[in-house]
Amino acid sequence: MNPEGFLRDVLVAPARLEALLDAYEGPRSPLAELAGEGGFRRVVFMGMGSSRFAAVSIAALLRSRGVDAVAELASTGSPTRPSADTLAVGISASGGTAETVEALSAHRGASRCVAVTNDPTSELVSAADLVLPLLVGREEGGASCLTFQATVAVLLLLTGRLLGDAPRAPDLRPAVEAAVWLREERNAWLDKAVELVDGARTTATIAPAERYSSALQSALMFREGPRVVANAAETGDWLHVDVYLSKRPGYCALLFAGSRFDGGVIEWASKRAFPVVSVGASVPGATIDISYPGADDPHVRLLVETGVAEIVAADLWRRRIAAGDSALLDP
């Protein structure tokens, strides 16, 4: 784990996303082999950690369009049964995640197998009929931020191909501009956001069900770098399962705006006097509002909004080390 490297990864993310979209545009796209393919009754995404997180919202998108889709833990003891009408997608940035290699291999010869990986020479590739590379290079910080963003982009493009319509690479390009803007303008909100998270005993990352991957990944970025106690929740479900934690002092919420239940979170924040950082839109009653161009586009949100947690985590990680917390230098 490298805090300076993590910061460099976070700041270079827009450029890496742009390069990925360039590679996936046109007739030489790695997705070209799927042209004309269809008839999949089921799509099963398999991965661990942030690799699976990225697929959670994509599976929800496919289900909303009538496709039976699931983002499955590769470690499950009750996996989806392989079949000729199943598209099995194994996701592993390193390509060497043992659980994911085993899970995709179980589909080999029965399902159509796809490997999504940052290493096209990895073990995962040997189990696949098609490889979709992430093309982000080495992550200097040791945290899966660049590969998470790339995985979301690749899976969005795969979804567009399966459905026979958008999103295509050009449709995702507004996310590059939005990601650049978020980083260039971060000084307007960063100090206050870091202060709130640093002063909290618990930080909740809360997102609508259709963007639950953003909450999951953001909580991981807080835990992985600065070792912040953080947990993810879906906005509506927060009102049933996580609201109880807010009764103790030292609670903070990072709210990815857009759920019809946002108001319920704010109501509890007012009652229990905990701060809320809203991301993507102005939420009445929030302590800070952080927005960016294109935040009304659901694809832009999925690709950009986790950058807020990454930027905060990178800055807080460095500050805590500077303050003498040497334990944060360990894996």
C-alpha atoms as a PDB file:
ATOM      1  CA  MET A   1       0.000   0.000   0.000  1.00  0.00           C
ATOM      2  CA  ASN A   2       1.407   3.366  -1.054  1.00  0.00           C
ATOM      3  CA  PRO A   3      -0.441   6.617  -0.160  1.00  0.00           C
ATOM      4  CA  GLU A   4       1.468   8.786  -2.647  1.00  0.00           C
ATOM      5  CA  GLY A   5       0.918   6.207  -5.355  1.00  0.00           C
ATOM      6  CA  PHE A   6      -2.771   6.029  -4.486  1.00  0.00           C
ATOM      7  CA  LEU A   7      -3.100   9.786  -4.906  1.00  0.00           C
ATOM      8  CA  ARG A   8      -1.416   9.558  -8.316  1.00  0.00           C
ATOM      9  CA  ASP A   9      -3.826   6.778  -9.303  1.00  0.00           C
ATOM     10  CA  VAL A  10      -6.814   8.876  -8.240  1.00  0.00           C
ATOM     11  CA  LEU A  11      -5.650  11.925 -10.168  1.00  0.00           C
ATOM     12  CA  VAL A  12      -4.803  10.031 -13.368  1.00  0.00           C
ATOM     13  CA  ALA A  13      -8.165   8.230 -13.454  1.00  0.00           C
ATOM     14  CA  PRO A  14      -9.801  10.493 -16.078  1.00  0.00           C
ATOM     15  CA  ALA A  15      -6.952   9.984 -18.542  1.00  0.00           C
ATOM     16  CA  ARG A  16      -7.022   6.220 -18.038  1.00  0.00           C
ATOM     17  CA  LEU A  17     -10.772   6.177 -18.609  1.00  0.00           C
ATOM     18  CA  GLU A  18     -10.386   8.155 -21.826  1.00  0.00           C
ATOM     19  CA  ALA A  19      -7.724   5.743 -23.109  1.00  0.00           C
ATOM     20  CA  LEU A  20      -9.966   2.775 -22.300  1.00  0.00           C
ATOM     21  CA  LEU A  21     -12.885   4.269 -24.218  1.00  0.00           C
ATOM     22  CA  ASP A  22     -10.582   4.917 -27.180  1.00  0.00           C
ATOM     23  CA  ALA A  23      -9.595   1.248 -27.205  1.00  0.00           C
ATOM     24  CA  TYR A  24     -13.212   0.050 -27.025  1.00  0.00           C
ATOM     25  CA  GLU A  25     -14.496   2.297 -29.813  1.00  0.00           C
ATOM     26  CA  GLY A  26     -14.760   1.166 -33.421  1.00  0.00           C
ATOM     27  CA  PRO A  27     -14.405  -2.180 -35.217  1.00  0.00           C
ATOM     28  CA  ARG A  28     -11.289  -3.188 -33.255  1.00  0.00           C
ATOM     29  CA  SER A  29     -13.085  -3.082 -29.923  1.00  0.00           C
ATOM     30  CA  PRO A  30     -12.441  -6.147 -27.754  1.00  0.00           C
ATOM     31  CA  LEU A  31     -16.225  -6.478 -27.737  1.00  0.00           C
ATOM     32  CA  ALA A  32     -16.367  -6.997 -31.502  1.00  0.00           C
ATOM     33  CA  GLU A  33     -16.463 -10.778 -31.076  1.00  0.00           C
ATOM     34  CA  LEU A  34     -19.827 -10.448 -29.378  1.00  0.00           C
ATOM     35  CA  ALA A  35     -21.348  -8.740 -32.412  1.00  0.00           C
ATOM     36  CA  GLY A  36     -24.567 -10.454 -33.359  1.00  0.00           C
ATOM     37  CA  GLU A  37     -24.502 -12.738 -30.333  1.00  0.00           C
ATOM     38  CA  GLY A  38     -27.610 -12.975 -28.275  1.00  0.00           C
ATOM     39  CA  GLY A  39     -30.015 -15.441 -26.808  1.00  0.00           C
ATOM     40  CA  PHE A  40     -28.413 -15.486 -23.385  1.00  0.00           C
ATOM     41  CA  ARG A  41     -31.107 -16.253 -20.861  1.00  0.00           C
ATOM     42  CA  ARG A  42     -28.847 -15.467 -17.955  1.00  0.00           C
ATOM     43  CA  VAL A  43     -25.754 -13.375 -17.250  1.00  0.00           C
ATOM     44  CA  VAL A  44     -23.713 -14.222 -14.168  1.00  0.00           C
ATOM     45  CA  PHE A  45     -20.900 -11.942 -13.028  1.00  0.00           C
ATOM     46  CA  MET A  46     -18.374 -13.537 -10.672  1.00  0.00           C
ATOM     47  CA  GLY A  47     -15.725 -11.774  -8.627  1.00  0.00           C
ATOM     48  CA  MET A  48     -14.438 -10.801  -5.224  1.00  0.00           C
ATOM     49  CA  GLY A  49     -14.138  -7.382  -3.570  1.00  0.00           C
ATOM     50  CA  SER A  50     -14.237  -4.378  -5.875  1.00  0.00           C
ATOM     51  CA  SER A  51     -14.401  -6.643  -8.945  1.00  0.00           C
ATOM     52  CA  ARG A  52     -17.800  -7.874  -7.797  1.00  0.00           C
ATOM     53  CA  PHE A  53     -18.830  -4.454  -6.532  1.00  0.00           C
ATOM     54  CA  ALA A  54     -18.496  -3.072 -10.061  1.00  0.00           C
ATOM     55  CA  ALA A  55     -20.902  -5.716 -11.346  1.00  0.00           C
ATOM     56  CA  VAL A  56     -23.626  -5.146  -8.742  1.00  0.00           C
ATOM     57  CA  SER A  57     -25.105  -2.090 -10.462  1.00  0.00           C
ATOM     58  CA  ILE A  58     -24.584  -3.563 -13.939  1.00  0.00           C
ATOM     59  CA  ALA A  59     -26.557  -6.659 -12.984  1.00  0.00           C
ATOM     60  CA  ALA A  60     -29.346  -4.406 -11.717  1.00  0.00           C
ATOM     61  CA  LEU A  61     -29.330  -2.511 -15.019  1.00  0.00           C
ATOM     62  CA  LEU A  62     -29.653  -5.758 -16.979  1.00  0.00           C
ATOM     63  CA  ARG A  63     -32.499  -6.963 -14.778  1.00  0.00           C
ATOM     64  CA  SER A  64     -34.331  -3.690 -15.371  1.00  0.00           C
ATOM     65  CA  ARG A  65     -34.147  -4.484 -19.081  1.00  0.00           C
ATOM     66  CA  GLY A  66     -35.563  -7.970 -18.688  1.00  0.00           C
ATOM     67  CA  VAL A  67     -32.314  -9.958 -18.524  1.00  0.00           C
ATOM     68  CA  ASP A  68     -31.805 -12.448 -15.701  1.00  0.00           C
ATOM     69  CA  ALA A  69     -28.513 -11.200 -14.234  1.00  0.00           C
ATOM     70  CA  VAL A  70     -26.677 -11.593 -10.943  1.00  0.00           C
ATOM     71  CA  ALA A  71     -23.388 -10.379  -9.436  1.00  0.00           C
ATOM     72  CA  GLU A  72     -22.227 -13.468  -7.586  1.00  0.00           C
ATOM     73  CA  LEU A  73     -19.474 -13.879  -5.031  1.00  0.00           C
ATOM     74  CA  ALA A  74     -16.948 -16.143  -6.711  1.00  0.00           C
ATOM     75  CA  SER A  75     -16.457 -17.837  -3.344  1.00  0.00           C
ATOM     76  CA  THR A  76     -20.073 -18.962  -3.024  1.00  0.00           C
ATOM     77  CA  GLY A  77     -20.778 -22.567  -2.201  1.00  0.00           C
ATOM     78  CA  SER A  78     -24.035 -22.366  -4.184  1.00  0.00           C
ATOM     79  CA  PRO A  79     -22.973 -21.076  -7.621  1.00  0.00           C
ATOM     80  CA  THR A  80     -25.150 -20.515 -10.655  1.00  0.00           C
ATOM     81  CA  ARG A  81     -25.397 -23.692 -12.716  1.00  0.00           C
ATOM     82  CA  PRO A  82     -23.509 -23.556 -16.048  1.00  0.00           C
ATOM     83  CA  SER A  83     -25.626 -23.797 -19.207  1.00  0.00           C
ATOM     84  CA  ALA A  84     -25.448 -23.057 -22.920  1.00  0.00           C
ATOM     85  CA  ASP A  85     -27.723 -20.028 -22.538  1.00  0.00           C
ATOM     86  CA  THR A  86     -25.618 -18.486 -19.744  1.00  0.00           C
ATOM     87  CA  LEU A  87     -22.999 -15.787 -20.233  1.00  0.00           C
ATOM     88  CA  ALA A  88     -20.461 -16.249 -17.423  1.00  0.00           C
ATOM     89  CA  VAL A  89     -18.279 -13.206 -16.721  1.00  0.00           C
ATOM     90  CA  GLY A  90     -15.311 -13.671 -14.421  1.00  0.00           C
ATOM     91  CA  ILE A  91     -13.867 -10.409 -13.117  1.00  0.00           C
ATOM     92  CA  SER A  92     -10.421 -10.131 -11.553  1.00  0.00           C
ATOM     93  CA  ALA A  93      -8.127  -7.137 -11.980  1.00  0.00           C
ATOM     94  CA  SER A  94      -5.057  -9.283 -11.371  1.00  0.00           C
ATOM     95  CA  GLY A  95      -6.474 -12.250 -13.238  1.00  0.00           C
ATOM     96  CA  GLY A  96      -5.141 -14.456 -10.475  1.00  0.00           C
ATOM     97  CA  THR A  97      -7.910 -14.321  -7.874  1.00  0.00           C
ATOM     98  CA  ALA A  98      -8.204 -18.004  -7.026  1.00  0.00           C
ATOM     99  CA  GLU A  99     -11.933 -17.935  -6.266  1.00  0.00           C
ATOM    100  CA  THR A 100     -12.754 -16.216  -9.553  1.00  0.00           C
ATOM    101  CA  VAL A 101     -10.522 -18.465 -11.637  1.00  0.00           C
ATOM    102  CA  GLU A 102     -12.215 -21.505 -10.102  1.00  0.00           C
ATOM    103  CA  ALA A 103     -15.715 -20.072 -10.566  1.00  0.00           C
ATOM    104  CA  LEU A 104     -15.218 -19.206 -14.241  1.00  0.00           C
ATOM    105  CA  SER A 105     -13.483 -22.521 -14.924  1.00  0.00           C
ATOM    106  CA  ALA A 106     -16.602 -24.302 -13.674  1.00  0.00           C
ATOM    107  CA  HIS A 107     -18.502 -22.752 -16.607  1.00  0.00           C
ATOM    108  CA  ARG A 108     -15.867 -23.638 -19.184  1.00  0.00           C
ATOM    109  CA  GLY A 109     -17.299 -25.806 -21.975  1.00  0.00           C
ATOM    110  CA  ALA A 110     -20.904 -25.201 -20.961  1.00  0.00           C
ATOM    111  CA  SER A 111     -21.520 -21.453 -20.690  1.00  0.00           C
ATOM    112  CA  ARG A 112     -20.049 -18.696 -22.872  1.00  0.00           C
ATOM    113  CA  CYS A 113     -17.135 -17.496 -20.741  1.00  0.00           C
ATOM    114  CA  VAL A 114     -15.740 -13.953 -20.592  1.00  0.00           C
ATOM    115  CA  ALA A 115     -12.739 -12.783 -18.580  1.00  0.00           C
ATOM    116  CA  VAL A 116     -12.519  -9.141 -17.472  1.00  0.00           C
ATOM    117  CA  THR A 117      -8.976  -8.499 -16.274  1.00  0.00           C
ATOM    118  CA  ASN A 118      -6.095  -6.059 -16.244  1.00  0.00           C
ATOM    119  CA  ASP A 119      -3.650  -8.875 -17.093  1.00  0.00           C
ATOM    120  CA  PRO A 120      -4.425 -10.588 -20.425  1.00  0.00           C
ATOM    121  CA  THR A 121      -1.749 -13.228 -19.737  1.00  0.00           C
ATOM    122  CA  SER A 122      -3.228 -14.282 -16.392  1.00  0.00           C
ATOM    123  CA  GLU A 123      -4.688 -17.585 -15.289  1.00  0.00           C
ATOM    124  CA  LEU A 124      -8.249 -16.284 -15.609  1.00  0.00           C
ATOM    125  CA  VAL A 125      -7.787 -15.918 -19.354  1.00  0.00           C
ATOM    126  CA  SER A 126      -7.247 -19.665 -19.758  1.00  0.00           C
ATOM    127  CA  ALA A 127     -10.834 -20.257 -18.630  1.00  0.00           C
ATOM    128  CA  ALA A 128     -12.361 -17.738 -21.053  1.00  0.00           C
ATOM    129  CA  ASP A 129     -13.646 -17.707 -24.619  1.00  0.00           C
ATOM    130  CA  LEU A 130     -13.295 -13.924 -24.764  1.00  0.00           C
ATOM    131  CA  VAL A 131     -11.040 -11.490 -22.886  1.00  0.00           C
ATOM    132  CA  LEU A 132     -12.065  -7.910 -22.108  1.00  0.00           C
ATOM    133  CA  PRO A 133      -8.931  -6.055 -20.934  1.00  0.00           C
ATOM    134  CA  LEU A 134      -9.089  -3.187 -18.444  1.00  0.00           C
ATOM    135  CA  LEU A 135      -6.004  -1.476 -19.897  1.00  0.00           C
ATOM    136  CA  VAL A 136      -5.188   0.721 -16.900  1.00  0.00           C
ATOM    137  CA  GLY A 137      -1.617  -0.373 -16.305  1.00  0.00           C
ATOM    138  CA  ARG A 138      -0.156  -0.693 -12.830  1.00  0.00           C
ATOM    139  CA  GLU A 139      -2.002   0.740  -9.837  1.00  0.00           C
ATOM    140  CA  GLU A 140       0.769   2.425  -7.868  1.00  0.00           C
ATOM    141  CA  GLY A 141      -1.195   2.753  -4.650  1.00  0.00           C
ATOM    142  CA  GLY A 142      -2.103  -0.885  -4.291  1.00  0.00           C
ATOM    143  CA  ALA A 143      -5.830  -0.091  -4.043  1.00  0.00           C
ATOM    144  CA  SER A 144      -8.278  -1.048  -6.772  1.00  0.00           C
ATOM    145  CA  CYS A 145      -9.516   2.376  -7.829  1.00  0.00           C
ATOM    146  CA  LEU A 146      -8.428   2.560 -11.490  1.00  0.00           C
ATOM    147  CA  THR A 147      -9.422  -1.030 -12.117  1.00  0.00           C
ATOM    148  CA  PHE A 148     -12.823  -0.488 -10.465  1.00  0.00           C
ATOM    149  CA  GLN A 149     -13.580   2.457 -12.764  1.00  0.00           C
ATOM    150  CA  ALA A 150     -12.381   0.510 -15.794  1.00  0.00           C
ATOM    151  CA  THR A 151     -14.456  -2.521 -14.822  1.00  0.00           C
ATOM    152  CA  VAL A 152     -17.610  -0.411 -14.537  1.00  0.00           C
ATOM    153  CA  ALA A 153     -16.897   1.085 -17.981  1.00  0.00           C
ATOM    154  CA  VAL A 154     -16.210  -2.271 -19.624  1.00  0.00           C
ATOM    155  CA  LEU A 155     -19.321  -3.841 -18.091  1.00  0.00           C
ATOM    156  CA  LEU A 156     -21.457  -0.901 -19.210  1.00  0.00           C
ATOM    157  CA  LEU A 157     -20.140  -1.372 -22.739  1.00  0.00           C
ATOM    158  CA  LEU A 158     -20.735  -5.121 -22.532  1.00  0.00           C
ATOM    159  CA  THR A 159     -24.301  -4.423 -21.417  1.00  0.00           C
ATOM    160  CA  GLY A 160     -24.845  -2.120 -24.385  1.00  0.00           C
ATOM    161  CA  ARG A 161     -23.590  -4.831 -26.702  1.00  0.00           C
ATOM    162  CA  LEU A 162     -25.859  -7.480 -25.168  1.00  0.00           C
ATOM    163  CA  LEU A 163     -28.909  -5.255 -25.299  1.00  0.00           C
ATOM    164  CA  GLY A 164     -28.155  -4.033 -28.793  1.00  0.00           C
ATOM    165  CA  ASP A 165     -28.282  -0.375 -27.833  1.00  0.00           C
ATOM    166  CA  ALA A 166     -26.510   2.243 -25.678  1.00  0.00           C
ATOM    167  CA  PRO A 167     -24.248   2.692 -23.860  1.00  0.00           C
ATOM    168  CA  ARG A 168     -21.444   2.747 -26.415  1.00  0.00           C
ATOM    169  CA  ALA A 169     -17.998   4.241 -25.890  1.00  0.00           C
ATOM    170  CA  PRO A 170     -19.026   7.736 -27.113  1.00  0.00           C
ATOM    171  CA  ASP A 171     -21.943   7.744 -24.658  1.00  0.00           C
ATOM    172  CA  LEU A 172     -19.534   7.318 -21.747  1.00  0.00           C
ATOM    173  CA  ARG A 173     -17.137  10.105 -22.747  1.00  0.00           C
ATOM    174  CA  PRO A 174     -18.940  12.823 -20.721  1.00  0.00           C
ATOM    175  CA  ALA A 175     -17.681  10.932 -17.658  1.00  0.00           C
ATOM    176  CA  VAL A 176     -14.108  11.877 -18.573  1.00  0.00           C
ATOM    177  CA  GLU A 177     -14.895  15.594 -18.462  1.00  0.00           C
ATOM    178  CA  ALA A 178     -16.837  15.165 -15.225  1.00  0.00           C
ATOM    179  CA  ALA A 179     -13.988  13.255 -13.586  1.00  0.00           C
ATOM    180  CA  VAL A 180     -11.487  15.935 -14.616  1.00  0.00           C
ATOM    181  CA  TRP A 181     -13.716  18.688 -13.225  1.00  0.00           C
ATOM    182  CA  LEU A 182     -14.207  16.873  -9.916  1.00  0.00           C
ATOM    183  CA  ARG A 183     -10.456  16.682  -9.402  1.00  0.00           C
ATOM    184  CA  GLU A 184      -9.637  20.185 -10.591  1.00  0.00           C
ATOM    185  CA  GLU A 185     -12.284  21.720  -8.330  1.00  0.00           C
ATOM    186  CA  ARG A 186     -11.675  19.506  -5.287  1.00  0.00           C
ATOM    187  CA  ASN A 187     -10.174  22.295  -3.171  1.00  0.00           C
ATOM    188  CA  ALA A 188     -13.630  23.838  -2.884  1.00  0.00           C
ATOM    189  CA  TRP A 189     -14.864  20.956  -0.721  1.00  0.00           C
ATOM    190  CA  LEU A 190     -11.971  18.667   0.163  1.00  0.00           C
ATOM    191  CA  ASP A 191     -10.826  20.163   3.481  1.00  0.00           C
ATOM    192  CA  LYS A 192     -14.329  20.180   4.926  1.00  0.00           C
ATOM    193  CA  ALA A 193     -15.092  16.647   3.727  1.00  0.00           C
ATOM    194  CA  VAL A 194     -11.810  15.333   5.145  1.00  0.00           C
ATOM    195  CA  GLU A 195     -12.514  17.070   8.453  1.00  0.00           C
ATOM    196  CA  LEU A 196     -15.928  15.406   8.722  1.00  0.00           C
ATOM    197  CA  VAL A 197     -14.674  11.901   7.880  1.00  0.00           C
ATOM    198  CA  ASP A 198     -11.555  12.263  10.025  1.00  0.00           C
ATOM    199  CA  GLY A 199     -13.625  13.320  13.004  1.00  0.00           C
ATOM    200  CA  ALA A 200     -16.093  10.461  12.709  1.00  0.00           C
ATOM    201  CA  ARG A 201     -15.977   7.118  14.481  1.00  0.00           C
ATOM    202  CA  THR A 202     -18.071   5.571  11.705  1.00  0.00           C
ATOM    203  CA  THR A 203     -18.618   6.686   8.121  1.00  0.00           C
ATOM    204  CA  ALA A 204     -21.583   5.361   6.165  1.00  0.00           C
ATOM    205  CA  THR A 205     -21.570   5.359   2.370  1.00  0.00           C
ATOM    206  CA  ILE A 206     -25.154   5.355   1.120  1.00  0.00           C
ATOM    207  CA  ALA A 207     -26.414   4.974  -2.459  1.00  0.00           C
ATOM    208  CA  PRO A 208     -29.595   4.048  -4.350  1.00  0.00           C
ATOM    209  CA  ALA A 209     -30.006   0.363  -5.192  1.00  0.00           C
ATOM    210  CA  GLU A 210     -29.257   0.969  -8.862  1.00  0.00           C
ATOM    211  CA  ARG A 211     -25.887   2.495  -7.868  1.00  0.00           C
ATOM    212  CA  TYR A 212     -25.141   0.350  -4.834  1.00  0.00           C
ATOM    213  CA  SER A 213     -21.703  -0.413  -6.291  1.00  0.00           C
ATOM    214  CA  SER A 214     -20.732   3.200  -5.534  1.00  0.00           C
ATOM    215  CA  ALA A 215     -21.478   2.760  -1.835  1.00  0.00           C
ATOM    216  CA  LEU A 216     -19.638  -0.557  -1.654  1.00  0.00           C
ATOM    217  CA  GLN A 217     -16.535   0.726  -3.427  1.00  0.00           C
ATOM    218  CA  SER A 218     -16.423   3.988  -1.478  1.00  0.00           C
ATOM    219  CA  ALA A 219     -16.549   2.180   1.861  1.00  0.00           C
ATOM    220  CA  LEU A 220     -13.703  -0.045   0.676  1.00  0.00           C
ATOM    221  CA  MET A 221     -11.572   2.954  -0.308  1.00  0.00           C
ATOM    222  CA  PHE A 222     -12.019   4.425   3.194  1.00  0.00           C
ATOM    223  CA  ARG A 223     -11.100   1.121   4.819  1.00  0.00           C
ATOM    224  CA  GLU A 224      -8.249   0.182   2.501  1.00  0.00           C
ATOM    225  CA  GLY A 225      -6.207   3.386   2.681  1.00  0.00           C
ATOM    226  CA  PRO A 226      -6.758   5.515   5.812  1.00  0.00           C
ATOM    227  CA  ARG A 227      -8.365   2.569   7.661  1.00  0.00           C
ATOM    228  CA  VAL A 228     -11.560   4.481   8.343  1.00  0.00           C
ATOM    229  CA  VAL A 229     -14.361   2.416   9.879  1.00  0.00           C
ATOM    230  CA  ALA A 230     -16.835   2.538   6.997  1.00  0.00           C
ATOM    231  CA  ASN A 231     -19.844   0.528   5.895  1.00  0.00           C
ATOM    232  CA  ALA A 232     -22.030   0.620   2.817  1.00  0.00           C
ATOM    233  CA  ALA A 233     -25.824   0.740   2.690  1.00  0.00           C
ATOM    234  CA  GLU A 234     -28.563   1.116   0.110  1.00  0.00           C
ATOM    235  CA  THR A 235     -30.498   4.321   0.790  1.00  0.00           C
ATOM    236  CA  GLY A 236     -33.901   2.822   1.494  1.00  0.00           C
ATOM    237  CA  ASP A 237     -32.415  -0.075   3.427  1.00  0.00           C
ATOM    238  CA  TRP A 238     -30.353   2.329   5.534  1.00  0.00           C
ATOM    239  CA  LEU A 239     -33.589   3.422   7.162  1.00  0.00           C
ATOM    240  CA  HIS A 240     -34.177  -0.168   8.298  1.00  0.00           C
ATOM    241  CA  VAL A 241     -30.731  -1.524   9.160  1.00  0.00           C
ATOM    242  CA  ASP A 242     -28.061   1.167   9.563  1.00  0.00           C
ATOM    243  CA  VAL A 243     -29.975   4.040  11.117  1.00  0.00           C
ATOM    244  CA  TYR A 244     -29.308   2.517  14.535  1.00  0.00           C
ATOM    245  CA  LEU A 245     -25.581   3.243  14.320  1.00  0.00           C
ATOM    246  CA  SER A 246     -26.309   6.949  13.903  1.00  0.00           C
ATOM    247  CA  LYS A 247     -27.518   7.141  17.496  1.00  0.00           C
ATOM    248  CA  ARG A 248     -23.936   7.074  18.763  1.00  0.00           C
ATOM    249  CA  PRO A 249     -21.810  10.251  18.505  1.00  0.00           C
ATOM    250  CA  GLY A 250     -19.213  10.407  15.760  1.00  0.00           C
ATOM    251  CA  TYR A 251     -21.351   9.283  12.828  1.00  0.00           C
ATOM    252  CA  CYS A 252     -20.904  10.690   9.296  1.00  0.00           C
ATOM    253  CA  ALA A 253     -22.672   9.864   6.038  1.00  0.00           C
ATOM    254  CA  LEU A 254     -21.549  10.107   2.428  1.00  0.00           C
ATOM    255  CA  LEU A 255     -24.850  10.177   0.538  1.00  0.00           C
ATOM    256  CA  PHE A 256     -24.885   9.484  -3.199  1.00  0.00           C
ATOM    257  CA  ALA A 257     -27.947  11.484  -4.138  1.00  0.00           C
ATOM    258  CA  GLY A 258     -30.814  10.354  -6.305  1.00  0.00           C
ATOM    259  CA  SER A 259     -32.929   7.989  -4.216  1.00  0.00           C
ATOM    260  CA  ARG A 260     -36.493   8.823  -3.292  1.00  0.00           C
ATOM    261  CA  PHE A 261     -35.403   7.942   0.251  1.00  0.00           C
ATOM    262  CA  ASP A 262     -32.743  10.669   0.523  1.00  0.00           C
ATOM    263  CA  GLY A 263     -35.139  12.758   2.601  1.00  0.00           C
ATOM    264  CA  GLY A 264     -35.423   9.998   5.185  1.00  0.00           C
ATOM    265  CA  VAL A 265     -31.660   9.974   5.718  1.00  0.00           C
ATOM    266  CA  ILE A 266     -31.634  13.768   6.063  1.00  0.00           C
ATOM    267  CA  GLU A 267     -34.504  13.645   8.550  1.00  0.00           C
ATOM    268  CA  TRP A 268     -32.521  11.309  10.801  1.00  0.00           C
ATOM    269  CA  ALA A 269     -29.402  13.424  10.319  1.00  0.00           C
ATOM    270  CA  SER A 270     -31.333  16.407  11.626  1.00  0.00           C
ATOM    271  CA  LYS A 271     -32.695  14.463  14.615  1.00  0.00           C
ATOM    272  CA  ARG A 272     -29.337  12.993  15.579  1.00  0.00           C
ATOM    273  CA  ALA A 273     -27.107  15.854  14.478  1.00  0.00           C
ATOM    274  CA  PHE A 274     -24.732  13.935  12.241  1.00  0.00           C
ATOM    275  CA  PRO A 275     -23.138  15.468   9.108  1.00  0.00           C
ATOM    276  CA  VAL A 276     -24.075  14.421   5.581  1.00  0.00           C
ATOM    277  CA  VAL A 277     -21.903  14.926   2.515  1.00  0.00           C
ATOM    278  CA  SER A 278     -24.160  14.703  -0.528  1.00  0.00           C
ATOM    279  CA  VAL A 279     -22.612  13.685  -3.852  1.00  0.00           C
ATOM    280  CA  GLY A 280     -24.032  14.362  -7.289  1.00  0.00           C
ATOM    281  CA  ALA A 281     -26.793  16.802  -6.373  1.00  0.00           C
ATOM    282  CA  SER A 282     -27.782  19.354  -3.798  1.00  0.00           C
ATOM    283  CA  VAL A 283     -29.774  17.660  -1.045  1.00  0.00           C
ATOM    284  CA  PRO A 284     -31.601  20.081   1.284  1.00  0.00           C
ATOM    285  CA  GLY A 285     -30.231  19.676   4.783  1.00  0.00           C
ATOM    286  CA  ALA A 286     -26.869  18.205   3.772  1.00  0.00           C
ATOM    287  CA  THR A 287     -23.730  19.633   5.385  1.00  0.00           C
ATOM    288  CA  ILE A 288     -21.840  19.758   2.058  1.00  0.00           C
ATOM    289  CA  ASP A 289     -23.054  19.321  -1.508  1.00  0.00           C
ATOM    290  CA  ILE A 290     -20.541  18.041  -4.070  1.00  0.00           C
ATOM    291  CA  SER A 291     -21.632  17.995  -7.677  1.00  0.00           C
ATOM    292  CA  TYR A 292     -19.975  17.870 -11.084  1.00  0.00           C
ATOM    293  CA  PRO A 293     -20.976  18.286 -14.761  1.00  0.00           C
ATOM    294  CA  GLY A 294     -23.203  15.523 -16.065  1.00  0.00           C
ATOM    295  CA  ALA A 295     -24.282  14.342 -12.622  1.00  0.00           C
ATOM    296  CA  ASP A 296     -27.819  13.813 -13.984  1.00  0.00           C
ATOM    297  CA  ASP A 297     -26.514  11.080 -16.326  1.00  0.00           C
ATOM    298  CA  PRO A 298     -26.687   7.655 -14.616  1.00  0.00           C
ATOM    299  CA  HIS A 299     -23.664   6.339 -16.530  1.00  0.00           C
ATOM    300  CA  VAL A 300     -21.588   9.362 -15.566  1.00  0.00           C
ATOM    301  CA  ARG A 301     -22.568   8.892 -11.939  1.00  0.00           C
ATOM    302  CA  LEU A 302     -21.487   5.255 -11.889  1.00  0.00           C
ATOM    303  CA  LEU A 303     -18.116   6.135 -13.401  1.00  0.00           C
ATOM    304  CA  VAL A 304     -17.370   9.342 -11.508  1.00  0.00           C
ATOM    305  CA  GLU A 305     -19.020   9.527  -8.091  1.00  0.00           C
ATOM    306  CA  THR A 306     -16.701   7.089  -6.303  1.00  0.00           C
ATOM    307  CA  GLY A 307     -13.965   9.610  -7.066  1.00  0.00           C
ATOM    308  CA  VAL A 308     -15.211  11.682  -4.127  1.00  0.00           C
ATOM    309  CA  ALA A 309     -14.435   8.933  -1.625  1.00  0.00           C
ATOM    310  CA  GLU A 310     -11.133   8.208  -3.373  1.00  0.00           C
ATOM    311  CA  ILE A 311     -10.037  11.837  -3.220  1.00  0.00           C
ATOM    312  CA  VAL A 312     -11.020  12.134   0.442  1.00  0.00           C
ATOM    313  CA  ALA A 313      -9.380   8.806   1.314  1.00  0.00           C
ATOM    314  CA  ALA A 314      -6.139   9.741  -0.469  1.00  0.00           C
ATOM    315  CA  ASP A 315      -5.876  13.077   1.331  1.00  0.00           C
ATOM    316  CA  LEU A 316      -6.833  11.669   4.737  1.00  0.00           C
ATOM    317  CA  TRP A 317      -4.400   8.764   4.351  1.00  0.00           C
ATOM    318  CA  ARG A 318      -1.509  11.148   3.738  1.00  0.00           C
ATOM    319  CA  ARG A 319      -2.545  13.463   6.596  1.00  0.00           C
ATOM    320  CA  ARG A 320      -2.752  10.626   9.120  1.00  0.00           C
ATOM    321  CA  ILE A 321       0.676   9.332   8.150  1.00  0.00           C
ATOM    322  CA  ALA A 322       2.103  12.849   8.427  1.00  0.00           C
ATOM    323  CA  ALA A 323       0.580  13.025  11.911  1.00  0.00           C
ATOM    324  CA  GLY A 324       2.576   9.954  12.936  1.00  0.00           C
ATOM    325  CA  ASP A 325       0.198   7.035  12.294  1.00  0.00           C
ATOM    326  CA  SER A 326       2.851   4.698  10.906  1.00  0.00           C
ATOM    327  CA  ALA A 327       0.507   1.693  11.041  1.00  0.00           C
ATOM    328  CA  LEU A 328      -1.121   3.066   7.877  1.00  0.00           C
ATOM    329  CA  LEU A 329       2.021   2.215   5.920  1.00  0.00           C
ATOM    330  CA  ASP A 330       1.400  -1.502   6.400  1.00  0.00           C
ATOM    331  CA  PRO A 331      -0.758  -3.634   4.064  1.00  0.00           C
END
